[in-house]
C-alpha atoms as a PDB file:
ATOM      1  CA  MET A   1    -126.310 -82.382  66.658  1.00  0.00           C
ATOM      2  CA  SER A   2    -124.513 -85.040  64.726  1.00  0.00           C
ATOM      3  CA  SER A   3    -120.945 -84.836  63.625  1.00  0.00           C
ATOM      4  CA  ASP A   4    -122.094 -84.448  60.008  1.00  0.00           C
ATOM      5  CA  ASP A   5    -124.322 -81.362  60.328  1.00  0.00           C
ATOM      6  CA  ASP A   6    -122.409 -78.967  62.545  1.00  0.00           C
ATOM      7  CA  GLY A   7    -121.309 -76.913  59.572  1.00  0.00           C
ATOM      8  CA  TYR A   8    -117.531 -77.179  60.139  1.00  0.00           C
ATOM      9  CA  GLY A   9    -115.233 -79.112  57.971  1.00  0.00           C
ATOM     10  CA  GLY A  10    -112.730 -80.068  60.659  1.00  0.00           C
ATOM     11  CA  GLY A  11    -110.980 -79.179  63.885  1.00  0.00           C
ATOM     12  CA  ASP A  12    -112.311 -79.050  67.452  1.00  0.00           C
ATOM     13  CA  TYR A  13    -115.794 -77.791  68.154  1.00  0.00           C
ATOM     14  CA  THR A  14    -117.212 -76.953  71.582  1.00  0.00           C
ATOM     15  CA  SER A  15    -120.961 -77.421  71.840  1.00  0.00           C
ATOM     16  CA  PRO A  16    -123.207 -75.161  73.956  1.00  0.00           C
ATOM     17  CA  THR A  17    -123.262 -77.918  76.539  1.00  0.00           C
ATOM     18  CA  GLY A  18    -119.514 -77.725  76.978  1.00  0.00           C
ATOM     19  CA  GLN A  19    -118.738 -81.020  75.254  1.00  0.00           C
ATOM     20  CA  THR A  20    -115.835 -80.962  72.815  1.00  0.00           C
ATOM     21  CA  ARG A  21    -115.950 -83.054  69.730  1.00  0.00           C
ATOM     22  CA  THR A  22    -113.133 -83.476  67.220  1.00  0.00           C
ATOM     23  CA  ARG A  23    -113.921 -83.859  63.571  1.00  0.00           C
ATOM     24  CA  LEU A  24    -111.422 -84.911  60.945  1.00  0.00           C
ATOM     25  CA  PRO A  25    -111.662 -83.415  57.463  1.00  0.00           C
ATOM     26  CA  ASP A  26    -113.590 -85.610  55.120  1.00  0.00           C
ATOM     27  CA  SER A  27    -112.113 -84.219  51.901  1.00  0.00           C
ATOM     28  CA  GLU A  28    -109.339 -82.047  50.521  1.00  0.00           C
ATOM     29  CA  SER A  29    -111.604 -78.991  50.897  1.00  0.00           C
ATOM     30  CA  ASP A  30    -111.014 -76.280  53.472  1.00  0.00           C
ATOM     31  CA  ALA A  31    -113.663 -74.764  55.724  1.00  0.00           C
ATOM     32  CA  TYR A  32    -114.885 -72.536  52.937  1.00  0.00           C
ATOM     33  CA  GLY A  33    -115.223 -75.191  50.331  1.00  0.00           C
ATOM     34  CA  SER A  34    -112.239 -74.182  48.219  1.00  0.00           C
ATOM     35  CA  GLY A  35    -109.619 -76.721  47.218  1.00  0.00           C
ATOM     36  CA  ARG A  36    -106.437 -76.833  49.232  1.00  0.00           C
ATOM     37  CA  ARG A  37    -103.213 -75.536  47.531  1.00  0.00           C
ATOM     38  CA  SER A  38    -100.723 -78.323  47.386  1.00  0.00           C
ATOM     39  CA  ARG A  39     -96.969 -77.848  47.797  1.00  0.00           C
ATOM     40  CA  ALA A  40     -96.496 -78.926  44.191  1.00  0.00           C
ATOM     41  CA  GLY A  41     -98.793 -76.128  42.981  1.00  0.00           C
ATOM     42  CA  LEU A  42     -96.950 -73.504  45.000  1.00  0.00           C
ATOM     43  CA  SER A  43     -93.584 -74.738  43.761  1.00  0.00           C
ATOM     44  CA  SER A  44     -94.738 -74.574  40.156  1.00  0.00           C
ATOM     45  CA  ARG A  45     -95.931 -70.983  40.529  1.00  0.00           C
ATOM     46  CA  ASN A  46     -92.695 -69.938  42.224  1.00  0.00           C
ATOM     47  CA  LEU A  47     -90.669 -71.555  39.449  1.00  0.00           C
ATOM     48  CA  ILE A  48     -92.667 -69.720  36.781  1.00  0.00           C
ATOM     49  CA  ALA A  49     -92.105 -66.390  38.550  1.00  0.00           C
ATOM     50  CA  VAL A  50     -88.341 -66.974  38.807  1.00  0.00           C
ATOM     51  CA  VAL A  51     -88.093 -67.967  35.142  1.00  0.00           C
ATOM     52  CA  GLY A  52     -90.012 -64.843  34.182  1.00  0.00           C
ATOM     53  CA  VAL A  53     -87.612 -62.593  36.100  1.00  0.00           C
ATOM     54  CA  VAL A  54     -84.574 -64.287  34.507  1.00  0.00           C
ATOM     55  CA  VAL A  55     -86.035 -63.854  31.014  1.00  0.00           C
ATOM     56  CA  LEU A  56     -86.648 -60.159  31.655  1.00  0.00           C
ATOM     57  CA  LEU A  57     -83.052 -59.682  32.899  1.00  0.00           C
ATOM     58  CA  ILE A  58     -81.615 -61.431  29.833  1.00  0.00           C
ATOM     59  CA  ALA A  59     -83.754 -59.271  27.535  1.00  0.00           C
ATOM     60  CA  ALA A  60     -82.613 -56.072  29.290  1.00  0.00           C
ATOM     61  CA  ILE A  61     -78.917 -57.034  29.003  1.00  0.00           C
ATOM     62  CA  ALA A  62     -79.302 -57.906  25.326  1.00  0.00           C
ATOM     63  CA  PHE A  63     -81.012 -54.577  24.647  1.00  0.00           C
ATOM     64  CA  ALA A  64     -78.247 -52.644  26.433  1.00  0.00           C
ATOM     65  CA  ASN A  65     -75.512 -54.486  24.503  1.00  0.00           C
ATOM     66  CA  ARG A  66     -77.303 -53.860  21.256  1.00  0.00           C
ATOM     67  CA  GLY A  67     -77.415 -50.129  22.017  1.00  0.00           C
ATOM     68  CA  SER A  68     -73.694 -49.915  22.825  1.00  0.00           C
ATOM     69  CA  THR A  69     -72.789 -51.930  19.707  1.00  0.00           C
ATOM     70  CA  SER A  70     -74.843 -49.586  17.569  1.00  0.00           C
ATOM     71  CA  ALA A  71     -73.038 -46.619  19.066  1.00  0.00           C
ATOM     72  CA  ARG A  72     -69.676 -48.180  18.181  1.00  0.00           C
ATOM     73  CA  THR A  73     -70.635 -49.085  14.620  1.00  0.00           C
ATOM     74  CA  ASP A  74     -72.366 -45.821  13.757  1.00  0.00           C
ATOM     75  CA  ASP A  75     -69.034 -44.168  12.903  1.00  0.00           C
ATOM     76  CA  THR A  76     -67.705 -44.121   9.376  1.00  0.00           C
ATOM     77  CA  ALA A  77     -64.163 -45.143   8.538  1.00  0.00           C
ATOM     78  CA  ASP A  78     -62.982 -41.551   8.721  1.00  0.00           C
ATOM     79  CA  GLY A  79     -64.265 -41.004  12.224  1.00  0.00           C
ATOM     80  CA  ALA A  80     -67.329 -38.910  11.313  1.00  0.00           C
ATOM     81  CA  PRO A  81     -70.567 -40.075  12.984  1.00  0.00           C
ATOM     82  CA  LYS A  82     -73.325 -41.381  10.738  1.00  0.00           C
ATOM     83  CA  SER A  83     -76.118 -40.961  13.210  1.00  0.00           C
ATOM     84  CA  GLY A  84     -76.860 -40.337  16.855  1.00  0.00           C
ATOM     85  CA  PRO A  85     -76.112 -37.161  18.792  1.00  0.00           C
ATOM     86  CA  ALA A  86     -74.353 -34.562  16.668  1.00  0.00           C
ATOM     87  CA  ALA A  87     -72.118 -33.244  19.455  1.00  0.00           C
ATOM     88  CA  ARG A  88     -69.487 -35.934  19.997  1.00  0.00           C
ATOM     89  CA  PRO A  89     -66.261 -34.040  19.224  1.00  0.00           C
ATOM     90  CA  THR A  90     -64.233 -35.596  22.020  1.00  0.00           C
ATOM     91  CA  ALA A  91     -65.398 -39.210  21.682  1.00  0.00           C
ATOM     92  CA  PRO A  92     -62.473 -41.497  20.800  1.00  0.00           C
ATOM     93  CA  THR A  93     -62.773 -43.738  17.762  1.00  0.00           C
ATOM     94  CA  GLY A  94     -60.949 -46.653  19.336  1.00  0.00           C
ATOM     95  CA  THR A  95     -58.445 -46.972  16.468  1.00  0.00           C
ATOM     96  CA  ALA A  96     -54.896 -47.691  17.610  1.00  0.00           C
ATOM     97  CA  PRO A  97     -52.342 -44.821  17.575  1.00  0.00           C
ATOM     98  CA  VAL A  98     -49.884 -44.502  14.702  1.00  0.00           C
ATOM     99  CA  GLU A  99     -46.623 -46.442  14.944  1.00  0.00           C
ATOM    100  CA  GLY A 100     -44.426 -44.222  12.777  1.00  0.00           C
ATOM    101  CA  LYS A 101     -42.094 -41.540  14.088  1.00  0.00           C
ATOM    102  CA  ASN A 102     -40.394 -38.590  12.419  1.00  0.00           C
ATOM    103  CA  GLY A 103     -37.666 -38.061  14.959  1.00  0.00           C
ATOM    104  CA  THR A 104     -39.617 -37.797  18.199  1.00  0.00           C
ATOM    105  CA  ILE A 105     -42.889 -36.794  16.497  1.00  0.00           C
ATOM    106  CA  ALA A 106     -45.607 -39.263  15.480  1.00  0.00           C
ATOM    107  CA  SER A 107     -46.098 -39.651  11.738  1.00  0.00           C
ATOM    108  CA  GLY A 108     -47.927 -41.802   9.202  1.00  0.00           C
ATOM    109  CA  PHE A 109     -51.425 -40.519   9.971  1.00  0.00           C
ATOM    110  CA  ALA A 110     -54.394 -41.820   7.994  1.00  0.00           C
ATOM    111  CA  LYS A 111     -55.928 -39.709   5.245  1.00  0.00           C
ATOM    112  CA  THR A 112     -59.169 -39.425   7.201  1.00  0.00           C
ATOM    113  CA  GLN A 113     -60.807 -37.008   9.620  1.00  0.00           C
ATOM    114  CA  GLN A 114     -59.471 -39.114  12.461  1.00  0.00           C
ATOM    115  CA  GLY A 115     -55.964 -38.996  11.027  1.00  0.00           C
ATOM    116  CA  ALA A 116     -56.120 -35.229  10.597  1.00  0.00           C
ATOM    117  CA  GLN A 117     -57.206 -34.755  14.212  1.00  0.00           C
ATOM    118  CA  SER A 118     -54.423 -37.035  15.452  1.00  0.00           C
ATOM    119  CA  ALA A 119     -51.842 -35.122  13.405  1.00  0.00           C
ATOM    120  CA  ALA A 120     -53.066 -31.746  14.677  1.00  0.00           C
ATOM    121  CA  ALA A 121     -52.936 -32.867  18.333  1.00  0.00           C
ATOM    122  CA  ASN A 122     -49.414 -34.293  18.012  1.00  0.00           C
ATOM    123  CA  TYR A 123     -48.142 -31.271  16.112  1.00  0.00           C
ATOM    124  CA  ALA A 124     -49.498 -28.957  18.805  1.00  0.00           C
ATOM    125  CA  VAL A 125     -47.533 -30.961  21.396  1.00  0.00           C
ATOM    126  CA  ALA A 126     -44.318 -30.708  19.370  1.00  0.00           C
ATOM    127  CA  LEU A 127     -44.673 -26.994  18.672  1.00  0.00           C
ATOM    128  CA  GLY A 128     -45.413 -26.286  22.332  1.00  0.00           C
ATOM    129  CA  SER A 129     -42.461 -28.237  23.711  1.00  0.00           C
ATOM    130  CA  GLU A 130     -39.276 -26.798  25.226  1.00  0.00           C
ATOM    131  CA  ARG A 131     -37.369 -28.058  22.174  1.00  0.00           C
ATOM    132  CA  MET A 132     -38.806 -25.135  20.213  1.00  0.00           C
ATOM    133  CA  PHE A 133     -36.761 -22.792  22.429  1.00  0.00           C
ATOM    134  CA  ARG A 134     -33.499 -24.339  21.235  1.00  0.00           C
ATOM    135  CA  THR A 135     -32.233 -23.797  17.711  1.00  0.00           C
ATOM    136  CA  ALA A 136     -31.380 -27.442  16.974  1.00  0.00           C
ATOM    137  CA  GLY A 137     -34.710 -28.733  18.258  1.00  0.00           C
ATOM    138  CA  ARG A 138     -36.677 -26.073  16.391  1.00  0.00           C
ATOM    139  CA  HIS A 139     -34.891 -26.871  13.127  1.00  0.00           C
ATOM    140  CA  GLU A 140     -35.947 -30.527  13.526  1.00  0.00           C
ATOM    141  CA  ILE A 141     -39.566 -29.825  14.431  1.00  0.00           C
ATOM    142  CA  LEU A 142     -40.456 -27.335  11.690  1.00  0.00           C
ATOM    143  CA  PRO A 143     -39.824 -29.616   8.658  1.00  0.00           C
ATOM    144  CA  ALA A 144     -41.446 -32.538  10.513  1.00  0.00           C
ATOM    145  CA  VAL A 145     -44.798 -30.806  10.975  1.00  0.00           C
ATOM    146  CA  TYR A 146     -45.065 -28.131   8.244  1.00  0.00           C
ATOM    147  CA  THR A 147     -45.215 -28.522   4.479  1.00  0.00           C
ATOM    148  CA  PRO A 148     -41.748 -28.155   2.903  1.00  0.00           C
ATOM    149  CA  ASP A 149     -42.306 -24.651   1.508  1.00  0.00           C
ATOM    150  CA  VAL A 150     -43.874 -23.336   4.737  1.00  0.00           C
ATOM    151  CA  ALA A 151     -41.129 -24.891   6.865  1.00  0.00           C
ATOM    152  CA  ALA A 152     -38.479 -23.160   4.744  1.00  0.00           C
ATOM    153  CA  GLU A 153     -40.257 -19.807   5.119  1.00  0.00           C
ATOM    154  CA  LEU A 154     -40.704 -20.195   8.869  1.00  0.00           C
ATOM    155  CA  LYS A 155     -37.127 -21.140   9.662  1.00  0.00           C
ATOM    156  CA  ALA A 156     -35.769 -17.584   9.568  1.00  0.00           C
ATOM    157  CA  SER A 157     -38.834 -15.954  11.120  1.00  0.00           C
ATOM    158  CA  GLN A 158     -38.955 -18.453  13.975  1.00  0.00           C
ATOM    159  CA  ASP A 159     -35.259 -17.993  14.684  1.00  0.00           C
ATOM    160  CA  LYS A 160     -35.954 -14.275  14.906  1.00  0.00           C
ATOM    161  CA  ALA A 161     -38.962 -14.776  17.177  1.00  0.00           C
ATOM    162  CA  TYR A 162     -36.953 -16.910  19.605  1.00  0.00           C
ATOM    163  CA  SER A 163     -34.407 -14.146  19.953  1.00  0.00           C
ATOM    164  CA  PRO A 164     -31.905 -13.855  22.841  1.00  0.00           C
ATOM    165  CA  ALA A 165     -33.991 -10.967  24.205  1.00  0.00           C
ATOM    166  CA  PHE A 166     -37.164 -13.100  24.204  1.00  0.00           C
ATOM    167  CA  LEU A 167     -35.382 -16.035  25.816  1.00  0.00           C
ATOM    168  CA  LYS A 168     -33.897 -13.774  28.466  1.00  0.00           C
ATOM    169  CA  ARG A 169     -37.372 -12.629  29.507  1.00  0.00           C
ATOM    170  CA  LEU A 170     -38.153 -16.267  30.212  1.00  0.00           C
ATOM    171  CA  GLY A 171     -34.981 -16.637  32.300  1.00  0.00           C
ATOM    172  CA  LEU A 172     -33.085 -18.593  29.615  1.00  0.00           C
ATOM    173  CA  ASP A 173     -29.714 -17.951  28.039  1.00  0.00           C
ATOM    174  CA  ALA A 174     -29.207 -17.190  24.340  1.00  0.00           C
ATOM    175  CA  ALA A 175     -29.150 -20.930  23.531  1.00  0.00           C
ATOM    176  CA  GLY A 176     -32.460 -21.580  25.302  1.00  0.00           C
ATOM    177  CA  ASN A 177     -30.948 -23.240  28.374  1.00  0.00           C
ATOM    178  CA  ALA A 178     -32.158 -22.704  31.920  1.00  0.00           C
ATOM    179  CA  PRO A 179     -29.723 -21.383  34.530  1.00  0.00           C
ATOM    180  CA  LYS A 180     -28.073 -23.843  36.881  1.00  0.00           C
ATOM    181  CA  GLY A 181     -30.406 -25.103  39.581  1.00  0.00           C
ATOM    182  CA  LYS A 182     -33.586 -24.311  37.575  1.00  0.00           C
ATOM    183  CA  ASN A 183     -35.701 -26.221  35.044  1.00  0.00           C
ATOM    184  CA  PHE A 184     -37.512 -24.654  32.110  1.00  0.00           C
ATOM    185  CA  ILE A 185     -40.887 -26.270  31.494  1.00  0.00           C
ATOM    186  CA  SER A 186     -43.020 -25.960  28.367  1.00  0.00           C
ATOM    187  CA  ARG A 187     -45.637 -28.584  27.663  1.00  0.00           C
ATOM    188  CA  THR A 188     -48.830 -28.608  25.596  1.00  0.00           C
ATOM    189  CA  ILE A 189     -51.663 -30.944  26.700  1.00  0.00           C
ATOM    190  CA  PRO A 190     -54.520 -31.319  24.162  1.00  0.00           C
ATOM    191  CA  VAL A 191     -57.959 -31.473  25.740  1.00  0.00           C
ATOM    192  CA  GLY A 192     -59.899 -32.120  22.553  1.00  0.00           C
ATOM    193  CA  THR A 193     -59.932 -31.714  18.784  1.00  0.00           C
ATOM    194  CA  LYS A 194     -62.580 -30.572  16.319  1.00  0.00           C
ATOM    195  CA  VAL A 195     -62.757 -30.847  12.534  1.00  0.00           C
ATOM    196  CA  GLU A 196     -63.751 -27.476  11.106  1.00  0.00           C
ATOM    197  CA  LYS A 197     -63.478 -28.535   7.444  1.00  0.00           C
ATOM    198  CA  PHE A 198     -62.488 -31.670   5.601  1.00  0.00           C
ATOM    199  CA  GLY A 199     -61.984 -32.169   1.889  1.00  0.00           C
ATOM    200  CA  ASP A 200     -59.915 -34.098  -0.625  1.00  0.00           C
ATOM    201  CA  GLY A 201     -56.397 -33.707   0.716  1.00  0.00           C
ATOM    202  CA  THR A 202     -57.151 -30.750   2.992  1.00  0.00           C
ATOM    203  CA  ALA A 203     -58.435 -30.357   6.518  1.00  0.00           C
ATOM    204  CA  LYS A 204     -58.935 -27.649   9.093  1.00  0.00           C
ATOM    205  CA  VAL A 205     -58.669 -28.877  12.676  1.00  0.00           C
ATOM    206  CA  SER A 206     -58.839 -26.970  15.958  1.00  0.00           C
ATOM    207  CA  VAL A 207     -57.055 -28.234  19.058  1.00  0.00           C
ATOM    208  CA  TRP A 208     -58.242 -26.994  22.451  1.00  0.00           C
ATOM    209  CA  TYR A 209     -55.378 -27.328  24.874  1.00  0.00           C
ATOM    210  CA  THR A 210     -53.936 -26.349  28.197  1.00  0.00           C
ATOM    211  CA  ALA A 211     -50.243 -25.673  28.655  1.00  0.00           C
ATOM    212  CA  LEU A 212     -47.540 -25.489  31.288  1.00  0.00           C
ATOM    213  CA  ILE A 213     -44.804 -22.899  30.862  1.00  0.00           C
ATOM    214  CA  GLY A 214     -42.293 -21.260  33.168  1.00  0.00           C
ATOM    215  CA  LEU A 215     -39.052 -21.647  35.058  1.00  0.00           C
ATOM    216  CA  ALA A 216     -39.120 -23.938  38.079  1.00  0.00           C
ATOM    217  CA  GLY A 217     -36.602 -23.310  40.823  1.00  0.00           C
ATOM    218  CA  THR A 218     -35.862 -21.217  43.862  1.00  0.00           C
ATOM    219  CA  GLY A 219     -35.861 -17.519  43.090  1.00  0.00           C
ATOM    220  CA  SER A 220     -37.513 -17.916  39.660  1.00  0.00           C
ATOM    221  CA  THR A 221     -38.979 -14.681  38.309  1.00  0.00           C
ATOM    222  CA  ASP A 222     -41.188 -16.656  35.876  1.00  0.00           C
ATOM    223  CA  PRO A 223     -42.780 -19.535  37.854  1.00  0.00           C
ATOM    224  CA  VAL A 224     -44.566 -22.359  36.051  1.00  0.00           C
ATOM    225  CA  ARG A 225     -48.144 -21.405  35.198  1.00  0.00           C
ATOM    226  CA  THR A 226     -51.005 -22.803  33.154  1.00  0.00           C
ATOM    227  CA  ASP A 227     -52.609 -21.368  30.058  1.00  0.00           C
ATOM    228  CA  TRP A 228     -55.638 -22.228  27.921  1.00  0.00           C
ATOM    229  CA  LYS A 229     -55.756 -21.722  24.154  1.00  0.00           C
ATOM    230  CA  THR A 230     -57.180 -23.032  20.890  1.00  0.00           C
ATOM    231  CA  TRP A 231     -54.771 -23.793  18.068  1.00  0.00           C
ATOM    232  CA  THR A 232     -56.261 -24.097  14.579  1.00  0.00           C
ATOM    233  CA  PHE A 233     -54.321 -25.864  11.832  1.00  0.00           C
ATOM    234  CA  ASP A 234     -54.893 -25.815   8.078  1.00  0.00           C
ATOM    235  CA  LEU A 235     -53.552 -29.217   7.034  1.00  0.00           C
ATOM    236  CA  ALA A 236     -52.542 -30.467   3.598  1.00  0.00           C
ATOM    237  CA  TRP A 237     -51.916 -34.057   2.530  1.00  0.00           C
ATOM    238  CA  THR A 238     -48.264 -33.937   1.460  1.00  0.00           C
ATOM    239  CA  GLY A 239     -45.835 -36.803   0.878  1.00  0.00           C
ATOM    240  CA  GLY A 240     -48.227 -39.392   2.249  1.00  0.00           C
ATOM    241  CA  ASP A 241     -48.931 -37.568   5.528  1.00  0.00           C
ATOM    242  CA  TRP A 242     -50.704 -34.542   6.985  1.00  0.00           C
ATOM    243  CA  LYS A 243     -48.592 -31.385   7.210  1.00  0.00           C
ATOM    244  CA  ILE A 244     -49.395 -27.878   8.430  1.00  0.00           C
ATOM    245  CA  ALA A 245     -49.951 -25.299   5.689  1.00  0.00           C
ATOM    246  CA  ALA A 246     -50.996 -22.501   8.089  1.00  0.00           C
ATOM    247  CA  ASP A 247     -51.939 -22.093  11.754  1.00  0.00           C
ATOM    248  CA  THR A 248     -53.477 -19.548  14.133  1.00  0.00           C
ATOM    249  CA  GLN A 249     -54.047 -19.366  17.877  1.00  0.00           C
ATOM    250  CA  LYS A 250     -56.520 -17.670  20.166  1.00  0.00           C
ATOM    251  CA  THR A 251     -56.912 -17.506  23.935  1.00  0.00           C
ATOM    252  CA  GLY A 252     -59.389 -19.803  25.708  1.00  0.00           C
ATOM    253  CA  PRO A 253     -61.852 -21.157  26.402  1.00  0.00           C
ATOM    254  CA  ALA A 254     -60.574 -21.262  29.967  1.00  0.00           C
ATOM    255  CA  PRO A 255     -62.380 -22.946  32.888  1.00  0.00           C
ATOM    256  CA  VAL A 256     -62.723 -21.469  36.366  1.00  0.00           C
ATOM    257  CA  THR A 257     -59.535 -21.857  38.381  1.00  0.00           C
ATOM    258  CA  GLY A 258     -59.841 -24.630  40.953  1.00  0.00           C
ATOM    259  CA  ASP A 259     -59.115 -24.487  44.667  1.00  0.00           C
ATOM    260  CA  VAL A 260     -56.051 -26.744  44.434  1.00  0.00           C
ATOM    261  CA  PRO A 261     -53.092 -24.976  46.084  1.00  0.00           C
ATOM    262  CA  ALA A 262     -50.066 -24.381  43.865  1.00  0.00           C
ATOM    263  CA  SER A 263     -47.217 -26.855  44.316  1.00  0.00           C
ATOM    264  CA  GLY A 264     -43.665 -25.830  45.030  1.00  0.00           C
ATOM    265  CA  ALA A 265     -41.005 -25.569  42.322  1.00  0.00           C
ATOM    266  CA  GLU A 266     -39.333 -28.776  43.432  1.00  0.00           C
ATOM    267  CA  GLU A 267     -42.556 -30.798  43.240  1.00  0.00           C
ATOM    268  CA  ILE A 268     -43.421 -29.378  39.794  1.00  0.00           C
ATOM    269  CA  THR A 269     -39.942 -30.152  38.453  1.00  0.00           C
ATOM    270  CA  LYS A 270     -40.133 -33.715  39.792  1.00  0.00           C
ATOM    271  CA  ALA A 271     -43.559 -34.258  38.224  1.00  0.00           C
ATOM    272  CA  VAL A 272     -42.493 -32.999  34.794  1.00  0.00           C
ATOM    273  CA  ASP A 273     -39.365 -35.179  34.883  1.00  0.00           C
ATOM    274  CA  GLU A 274     -41.252 -38.304  35.976  1.00  0.00           C
ATOM    275  CA  PHE A 275     -44.484 -38.048  33.969  1.00  0.00           C
ATOM    276  CA  GLY A 276     -43.888 -38.479  30.257  1.00  0.00           C
ATOM    277  CA  GLY A 277     -46.116 -37.238  27.465  1.00  0.00           C
ATOM    278  CA  PHE A 278     -48.327 -39.167  25.036  1.00  0.00           C
ATOM    279  CA  THR A 279     -48.732 -39.920  21.371  1.00  0.00           C
ATOM    280  CA  TYR A 280     -52.163 -38.456  20.715  1.00  0.00           C
ATOM    281  CA  ALA A 281     -54.570 -40.267  18.401  1.00  0.00           C
ATOM    282  CA  ARG A 282     -58.306 -40.179  17.815  1.00  0.00           C
END
């Protein structure tokens, strides 16, 4: 058998007689007649695959960014969503908080749904603070958050409500001061706000909040505890700002109590002294 008709395109071949003959390939074809794949061809295919993956990644990132931008621009100027999921009551608008202050209370809220929610949250904080238990503080807070006529009406009734007998039940003296060695704590922490109604110069906003209240200190008969309530405010646009025309409260909704052990009076007092509150804004 000649070297040209043994049927193999290359490599060593052992004949039946035991003789080994080596044949070099006579073309760029493999043993099965197909063309060999050059390194250049493989490199080109690999490059195409890599480019394809990169293009897909860029397209995915662009699509995701487009979705998040749409979500940010779907809100109207007053904070009400144009489209998308209807239930977004706790989503922040991203607008900066107000800069004005009426004493220690934020003021200068916008005449929008967002502004009304911000006002309601900040007013709930002021009305739930320990300053309300002292005559001087209460007389500053009421005209800062209520309309002038309502504030005037409430002054006498609130003074009566915060009577020496009521304060005594909380462990305070007639002036609203805690006894020596103890700290009275009263703090409202808004969890979320919801616009119930909104019109031209009027708004009804509910504030869901948790609160801390009690007397911290050794031997306290009224230890600091938490509470959950919803405070609803009827707001009126008065004097270039939102003011409370009427308000009501109800208990809850309250979550299940967690398994976190209660802290001691000293730790609670330290935390309240060291952790300041916020100016709340939508």
